[in-house]
Amino acid sequence: MEREEDKIDFKDYFVVDPDSPTGLRWRDDVVRRTTGTKGGNCWGGTPAGNRKAPKGKVKYVIVTLNKKRYVVSRIIWTILHGNIPKGMIIDHLDGDPWNNNPSNLVCKTRAENIRNCAKRKDNTSGVVGVRFAVKDSYTFCVGTYQDINKNRKTAQFSVNKYGLLPAFKMAVEFRLNGIKKMNEQHNFKYTARHIGVGI
């Protein structure tokens, strides 16, 4: 099934402009009728899209065209490189969803995108892929990575047996060694941003 974004030639409406706050501008010859309380027209040459996002939603720059919403980074990629293959996404290399400079955008699989994600806000260990677990009054430091077959590889180290810091270091080392192996042997493309700092 053809996607809506594949049916549109975005070059008819937009130009890529790294100097625009959104990375995109309306073409000079485009006049877009706006609706709502302000009304009026949006003249060509102005920045396209805005940074506002509904509460709880991922904050990508969005633009509305013909009553449909599109992610600006996808428009920029499409204008410069053609349609985005099905199942692929546009990754912001520096992790900043507002930075739509073409040099910051890369077309990747979802798995490759995850390998560039930074530590989540709810991470309590301070290291991506390392967590604490409690079972039957025993505390463990657990290290995790994904292998070539997308299977989760996990090792847990007892805090009761080794102590907190040694168990934590072992879990981090297990994960880092696994990621290094995946990068070297299978070109998994885990980035330094995802791996974070070692200890």
C-alpha atoms as a PDB file:
ATOM      1  CA  MET A   1       0.000   0.000   0.000  1.00  0.00           C
ATOM      2  CA  GLU A   2       1.387   3.384  -1.022  1.00  0.00           C
ATOM      3  CA  ARG A   3       2.056   5.750   1.853  1.00  0.00           C
ATOM      4  CA  GLU A   4       0.611   9.250   1.785  1.00  0.00           C
ATOM      5  CA  GLU A   5       4.092  10.799   1.959  1.00  0.00           C
ATOM      6  CA  ASP A   6       5.124   8.855  -1.168  1.00  0.00           C
ATOM      7  CA  LYS A   7       2.309  10.419  -3.189  1.00  0.00           C
ATOM      8  CA  ILE A   8       3.488  13.991  -2.631  1.00  0.00           C
ATOM      9  CA  ASP A   9       6.338  15.760  -4.368  1.00  0.00           C
ATOM     10  CA  PHE A  10       7.475  17.839  -1.415  1.00  0.00           C
ATOM     11  CA  LYS A  11       9.669  19.914  -3.735  1.00  0.00           C
ATOM     12  CA  ASP A  12       6.446  21.549  -4.980  1.00  0.00           C
ATOM     13  CA  TYR A  13       5.945  23.054  -1.521  1.00  0.00           C
ATOM     14  CA  PHE A  14       9.245  23.237   0.353  1.00  0.00           C
ATOM     15  CA  VAL A  15      12.956  23.984   0.100  1.00  0.00           C
ATOM     16  CA  VAL A  16      15.584  22.623   2.479  1.00  0.00           C
ATOM     17  CA  ASP A  17      17.226  25.479   4.372  1.00  0.00           C
ATOM     18  CA  PRO A  18      19.651  24.735   7.251  1.00  0.00           C
ATOM     19  CA  ASP A  19      19.330  28.410   8.287  1.00  0.00           C
ATOM     20  CA  SER A  20      15.598  27.989   8.942  1.00  0.00           C
ATOM     21  CA  PRO A  21      14.789  27.178  12.608  1.00  0.00           C
ATOM     22  CA  THR A  22      13.014  24.026  11.400  1.00  0.00           C
ATOM     23  CA  GLY A  23      15.431  23.179   8.576  1.00  0.00           C
ATOM     24  CA  LEU A  24      12.699  23.732   6.005  1.00  0.00           C
ATOM     25  CA  ARG A  25      10.989  26.704   4.309  1.00  0.00           C
ATOM     26  CA  TRP A  26       7.876  27.117   2.230  1.00  0.00           C
ATOM     27  CA  ARG A  27       8.758  27.776  -1.385  1.00  0.00           C
ATOM     28  CA  ASP A  28       8.634  31.448  -2.373  1.00  0.00           C
ATOM     29  CA  ASP A  29       5.725  30.846  -4.752  1.00  0.00           C
ATOM     30  CA  VAL A  30       3.561  29.022  -2.188  1.00  0.00           C
ATOM     31  CA  VAL A  31       0.735  30.805  -0.389  1.00  0.00           C
ATOM     32  CA  ARG A  32      -0.873  28.586   2.210  1.00  0.00           C
ATOM     33  CA  ARG A  33      -4.284  29.391   3.607  1.00  0.00           C
ATOM     34  CA  THR A  34      -4.356  29.010   7.383  1.00  0.00           C
ATOM     35  CA  THR A  35      -7.362  28.366   9.573  1.00  0.00           C
ATOM     36  CA  GLY A  36      -8.337  28.978  13.160  1.00  0.00           C
ATOM     37  CA  THR A  37      -8.718  32.154  15.155  1.00  0.00           C
ATOM     38  CA  LYS A  38      -5.769  33.923  13.496  1.00  0.00           C
ATOM     39  CA  GLY A  39      -6.786  33.101   9.918  1.00  0.00           C
ATOM     40  CA  GLY A  40      -4.975  34.806   7.063  1.00  0.00           C
ATOM     41  CA  ASN A  41      -2.340  33.418   4.743  1.00  0.00           C
ATOM     42  CA  CYS A  42       1.131  31.998   5.261  1.00  0.00           C
ATOM     43  CA  TRP A  43       3.386  33.470   2.602  1.00  0.00           C
ATOM     44  CA  GLY A  44       6.156  31.596   0.894  1.00  0.00           C
ATOM     45  CA  GLY A  45       9.717  31.891   2.129  1.00  0.00           C
ATOM     46  CA  THR A  46       8.760  31.542   5.784  1.00  0.00           C
ATOM     47  CA  PRO A  47       9.943  28.649   7.996  1.00  0.00           C
ATOM     48  CA  ALA A  48       7.814  25.534   7.538  1.00  0.00           C
ATOM     49  CA  GLY A  49       6.588  23.619  10.556  1.00  0.00           C
ATOM     50  CA  ASN A  50       6.786  24.196  14.262  1.00  0.00           C
ATOM     51  CA  ARG A  51       8.342  22.630  17.294  1.00  0.00           C
ATOM     52  CA  LYS A  52       5.205  22.285  19.328  1.00  0.00           C
ATOM     53  CA  ALA A  53       4.033  18.756  20.037  1.00  0.00           C
ATOM     54  CA  PRO A  54       0.985  17.384  21.875  1.00  0.00           C
ATOM     55  CA  LYS A  55       1.621  16.554  25.524  1.00  0.00           C
ATOM     56  CA  GLY A  56       3.318  13.195  25.907  1.00  0.00           C
ATOM     57  CA  LYS A  57       4.198  12.900  22.220  1.00  0.00           C
ATOM     58  CA  VAL A  58       7.676  12.659  20.714  1.00  0.00           C
ATOM     59  CA  LYS A  59       8.762  16.211  19.996  1.00  0.00           C
ATOM     60  CA  TYR A  60       9.689  16.184  16.333  1.00  0.00           C
ATOM     61  CA  VAL A  61       9.195  19.208  14.114  1.00  0.00           C
ATOM     62  CA  ILE A  62       5.840  18.797  12.379  1.00  0.00           C
ATOM     63  CA  VAL A  63       4.378  20.592   9.363  1.00  0.00           C
ATOM     64  CA  THR A  64       0.773  20.511   8.162  1.00  0.00           C
ATOM     65  CA  LEU A  65       0.144  20.209   4.437  1.00  0.00           C
ATOM     66  CA  ASN A  66      -3.317  19.707   2.928  1.00  0.00           C
ATOM     67  CA  LYS A  67      -4.720  18.986   6.411  1.00  0.00           C
ATOM     68  CA  LYS A  68      -2.205  16.199   7.024  1.00  0.00           C
ATOM     69  CA  ARG A  69       0.755  16.291   9.395  1.00  0.00           C
ATOM     70  CA  TYR A  70       4.260  15.298   8.318  1.00  0.00           C
ATOM     71  CA  VAL A  71       7.546  15.015  10.182  1.00  0.00           C
ATOM     72  CA  VAL A  72       9.909  17.667   8.816  1.00  0.00           C
ATOM     73  CA  SER A  73      13.027  15.460   9.016  1.00  0.00           C
ATOM     74  CA  ARG A  74      11.318  12.924   6.733  1.00  0.00           C
ATOM     75  CA  ILE A  75      10.401  15.670   4.260  1.00  0.00           C
ATOM     76  CA  ILE A  76      13.987  16.941   4.213  1.00  0.00           C
ATOM     77  CA  TRP A  77      15.351  13.447   3.589  1.00  0.00           C
ATOM     78  CA  THR A  78      12.799  12.811   0.838  1.00  0.00           C
ATOM     79  CA  ILE A  79      13.611  16.079  -0.941  1.00  0.00           C
ATOM     80  CA  LEU A  80      17.350  15.365  -0.841  1.00  0.00           C
ATOM     81  CA  HIS A  81      17.440  11.586  -1.354  1.00  0.00           C
ATOM     82  CA  GLY A  82      14.051  10.344  -2.586  1.00  0.00           C
ATOM     83  CA  ASN A  83      11.367   8.284  -0.875  1.00  0.00           C
ATOM     84  CA  ILE A  84      12.232   6.602   2.410  1.00  0.00           C
ATOM     85  CA  PRO A  85      12.161   2.798   2.058  1.00  0.00           C
ATOM     86  CA  LYS A  86       9.339   1.108   3.947  1.00  0.00           C
ATOM     87  CA  GLY A  87      10.343   0.170   7.480  1.00  0.00           C
ATOM     88  CA  MET A  88      13.156   2.719   7.610  1.00  0.00           C
ATOM     89  CA  ILE A  89      13.207   5.802   9.826  1.00  0.00           C
ATOM     90  CA  ILE A  90      15.176   9.047   9.926  1.00  0.00           C
ATOM     91  CA  ASP A  91      17.585   9.216  12.847  1.00  0.00           C
ATOM     92  CA  HIS A  92      18.953  12.442  14.337  1.00  0.00           C
ATOM     93  CA  LEU A  93      22.616  11.546  14.926  1.00  0.00           C
ATOM     94  CA  ASP A  94      23.068  13.955  17.831  1.00  0.00           C
ATOM     95  CA  GLY A  95      19.776  12.881  19.433  1.00  0.00           C
ATOM     96  CA  ASP A  96      18.277  16.361  19.072  1.00  0.00           C
ATOM     97  CA  PRO A  97      14.893  16.028  17.290  1.00  0.00           C
ATOM     98  CA  TRP A  98      14.923  19.780  16.600  1.00  0.00           C
ATOM     99  CA  ASN A  99      18.215  19.627  14.664  1.00  0.00           C
ATOM    100  CA  ASN A 100      17.113  18.974  11.081  1.00  0.00           C
ATOM    101  CA  ASN A 101      20.383  19.946   9.450  1.00  0.00           C
ATOM    102  CA  PRO A 102      20.869  17.451   6.583  1.00  0.00           C
ATOM    103  CA  SER A 103      24.259  16.430   8.019  1.00  0.00           C
ATOM    104  CA  ASN A 104      22.455  15.319  11.208  1.00  0.00           C
ATOM    105  CA  LEU A 105      19.945  13.053   9.438  1.00  0.00           C
ATOM    106  CA  VAL A 106      20.511   9.406   8.506  1.00  0.00           C
ATOM    107  CA  CYS A 107      18.098   6.810   7.133  1.00  0.00           C
ATOM    108  CA  LYS A 108      18.235   3.696   9.338  1.00  0.00           C
ATOM    109  CA  THR A 109      16.336   0.632  10.401  1.00  0.00           C
ATOM    110  CA  ARG A 110      14.574   0.860  13.759  1.00  0.00           C
ATOM    111  CA  ALA A 111      17.185  -1.483  15.259  1.00  0.00           C
ATOM    112  CA  GLU A 112      20.018   0.791  14.081  1.00  0.00           C
ATOM    113  CA  ASN A 113      18.169   3.791  15.482  1.00  0.00           C
ATOM    114  CA  ILE A 114      17.910   2.140  18.898  1.00  0.00           C
ATOM    115  CA  ARG A 115      21.691   1.637  18.840  1.00  0.00           C
ATOM    116  CA  ASN A 116      22.049   5.427  18.782  1.00  0.00           C
ATOM    117  CA  CYS A 117      19.609   6.133  21.643  1.00  0.00           C
ATOM    118  CA  ALA A 118      20.951   7.751  24.788  1.00  0.00           C
ATOM    119  CA  LYS A 119      20.238   6.650  28.335  1.00  0.00           C
ATOM    120  CA  ARG A 120      16.532   6.798  29.149  1.00  0.00           C
ATOM    121  CA  LYS A 121      15.266   9.173  31.815  1.00  0.00           C
ATOM    122  CA  ASP A 122      13.957   6.273  33.899  1.00  0.00           C
ATOM    123  CA  ASN A 123      17.350   4.518  33.914  1.00  0.00           C
ATOM    124  CA  THR A 124      18.433   4.100  37.550  1.00  0.00           C
ATOM    125  CA  SER A 125      21.857   2.520  37.033  1.00  0.00           C
ATOM    126  CA  GLY A 126      23.369   5.383  35.036  1.00  0.00           C
ATOM    127  CA  VAL A 127      24.423   3.037  32.190  1.00  0.00           C
ATOM    128  CA  VAL A 128      22.332   2.000  29.168  1.00  0.00           C
ATOM    129  CA  GLY A 129      21.548  -1.728  29.247  1.00  0.00           C
ATOM    130  CA  VAL A 130      22.458  -2.174  32.903  1.00  0.00           C
ATOM    131  CA  ARG A 131      19.833  -2.446  35.614  1.00  0.00           C
ATOM    132  CA  PHE A 132      19.314  -3.595  39.179  1.00  0.00           C
ATOM    133  CA  ALA A 133      17.059  -6.533  40.014  1.00  0.00           C
ATOM    134  CA  VAL A 134      15.859  -7.938  43.330  1.00  0.00           C
ATOM    135  CA  LYS A 135      14.763 -11.538  43.745  1.00  0.00           C
ATOM    136  CA  ASP A 136      14.134 -13.376  47.030  1.00  0.00           C
ATOM    137  CA  SER A 137      16.031 -10.721  49.038  1.00  0.00           C
ATOM    138  CA  TYR A 138      19.021 -10.982  46.683  1.00  0.00           C
ATOM    139  CA  THR A 139      20.104  -7.980  44.629  1.00  0.00           C
ATOM    140  CA  PHE A 140      21.677  -8.362  41.208  1.00  0.00           C
ATOM    141  CA  CYS A 141      23.292  -6.068  38.667  1.00  0.00           C
ATOM    142  CA  VAL A 142      22.123  -7.186  35.238  1.00  0.00           C
ATOM    143  CA  GLY A 143      23.900  -6.423  31.967  1.00  0.00           C
ATOM    144  CA  THR A 144      22.125  -6.852  28.621  1.00  0.00           C
ATOM    145  CA  TYR A 145      22.839  -6.582  24.911  1.00  0.00           C
ATOM    146  CA  GLN A 146      21.305  -7.959  21.709  1.00  0.00           C
ATOM    147  CA  ASP A 147      23.050 -10.572  19.553  1.00  0.00           C
ATOM    148  CA  ILE A 148      23.096 -11.045  15.777  1.00  0.00           C
ATOM    149  CA  ASN A 149      19.824 -13.027  15.898  1.00  0.00           C
ATOM    150  CA  LYS A 150      18.100 -10.266  17.916  1.00  0.00           C
ATOM    151  CA  ASN A 151      18.155 -12.445  21.017  1.00  0.00           C
ATOM    152  CA  ARG A 152      18.689 -10.692  24.319  1.00  0.00           C
ATOM    153  CA  LYS A 153      21.913 -11.769  26.007  1.00  0.00           C
ATOM    154  CA  THR A 154      21.825 -11.221  29.754  1.00  0.00           C
ATOM    155  CA  ALA A 155      24.152 -11.849  32.669  1.00  0.00           C
ATOM    156  CA  GLN A 156      23.440 -11.089  36.304  1.00  0.00           C
ATOM    157  CA  PHE A 157      25.962 -10.546  39.062  1.00  0.00           C
ATOM    158  CA  SER A 158      25.061 -10.889  42.722  1.00  0.00           C
ATOM    159  CA  VAL A 159      25.551  -7.816  44.880  1.00  0.00           C
ATOM    160  CA  ASN A 160      25.326 -10.083  47.936  1.00  0.00           C
ATOM    161  CA  LYS A 161      28.258 -12.165  46.649  1.00  0.00           C
ATOM    162  CA  TYR A 162      30.528  -9.571  45.018  1.00  0.00           C
ATOM    163  CA  GLY A 163      29.484  -6.276  46.571  1.00  0.00           C
ATOM    164  CA  LEU A 164      27.655  -3.432  44.824  1.00  0.00           C
ATOM    165  CA  LEU A 165      30.483  -1.779  42.895  1.00  0.00           C
ATOM    166  CA  PRO A 166      32.192  -4.998  41.705  1.00  0.00           C
ATOM    167  CA  ALA A 167      28.840  -6.491  40.591  1.00  0.00           C
ATOM    168  CA  PHE A 168      27.973  -3.266  38.792  1.00  0.00           C
ATOM    169  CA  LYS A 169      31.363  -3.186  37.039  1.00  0.00           C
ATOM    170  CA  MET A 170      30.942  -6.811  35.918  1.00  0.00           C
ATOM    171  CA  ALA A 171      27.491  -6.080  34.468  1.00  0.00           C
ATOM    172  CA  VAL A 172      28.826  -3.030  32.610  1.00  0.00           C
ATOM    173  CA  GLU A 173      31.829  -5.012  31.328  1.00  0.00           C
ATOM    174  CA  PHE A 174      29.569  -7.847  30.129  1.00  0.00           C
ATOM    175  CA  ARG A 175      27.462  -5.393  28.148  1.00  0.00           C
ATOM    176  CA  LEU A 176      30.414  -3.437  26.722  1.00  0.00           C
ATOM    177  CA  ASN A 177      32.184  -6.633  25.621  1.00  0.00           C
ATOM    178  CA  GLY A 178      28.999  -7.859  23.942  1.00  0.00           C
ATOM    179  CA  ILE A 179      28.496  -4.559  22.134  1.00  0.00           C
ATOM    180  CA  LYS A 180      32.142  -4.464  21.059  1.00  0.00           C
ATOM    181  CA  LYS A 181      31.785  -7.971  19.642  1.00  0.00           C
ATOM    182  CA  MET A 182      28.604  -7.031  17.746  1.00  0.00           C
ATOM    183  CA  ASN A 183      30.258  -3.908  16.336  1.00  0.00           C
ATOM    184  CA  GLU A 184      33.451  -5.669  15.268  1.00  0.00           C
ATOM    185  CA  GLN A 185      32.008  -8.930  13.945  1.00  0.00           C
ATOM    186  CA  HIS A 186      28.642  -7.831  12.600  1.00  0.00           C
ATOM    187  CA  ASN A 187      28.901  -4.043  12.077  1.00  0.00           C
ATOM    188  CA  PHE A 188      26.014  -3.419  14.478  1.00  0.00           C
ATOM    189  CA  LYS A 189      26.784   0.320  14.615  1.00  0.00           C
ATOM    190  CA  TYR A 190      26.297   0.850  18.329  1.00  0.00           C
ATOM    191  CA  THR A 191      27.286   4.490  18.763  1.00  0.00           C
ATOM    192  CA  ALA A 192      29.298   6.069  21.573  1.00  0.00           C
ATOM    193  CA  ARG A 193      26.156   8.076  22.389  1.00  0.00           C
ATOM    194  CA  HIS A 194      24.279   4.831  23.107  1.00  0.00           C
ATOM    195  CA  ILE A 195      27.082   3.033  24.868  1.00  0.00           C
ATOM    196  CA  GLY A 196      27.728   5.981  27.172  1.00  0.00           C
ATOM    197  CA  VAL A 197      30.748   6.322  29.398  1.00  0.00           C
ATOM    198  CA  GLY A 198      32.465   3.319  30.859  1.00  0.00           C
ATOM    199  CA  ILE A 199      33.671   3.062  34.424  1.00  0.00           C
END
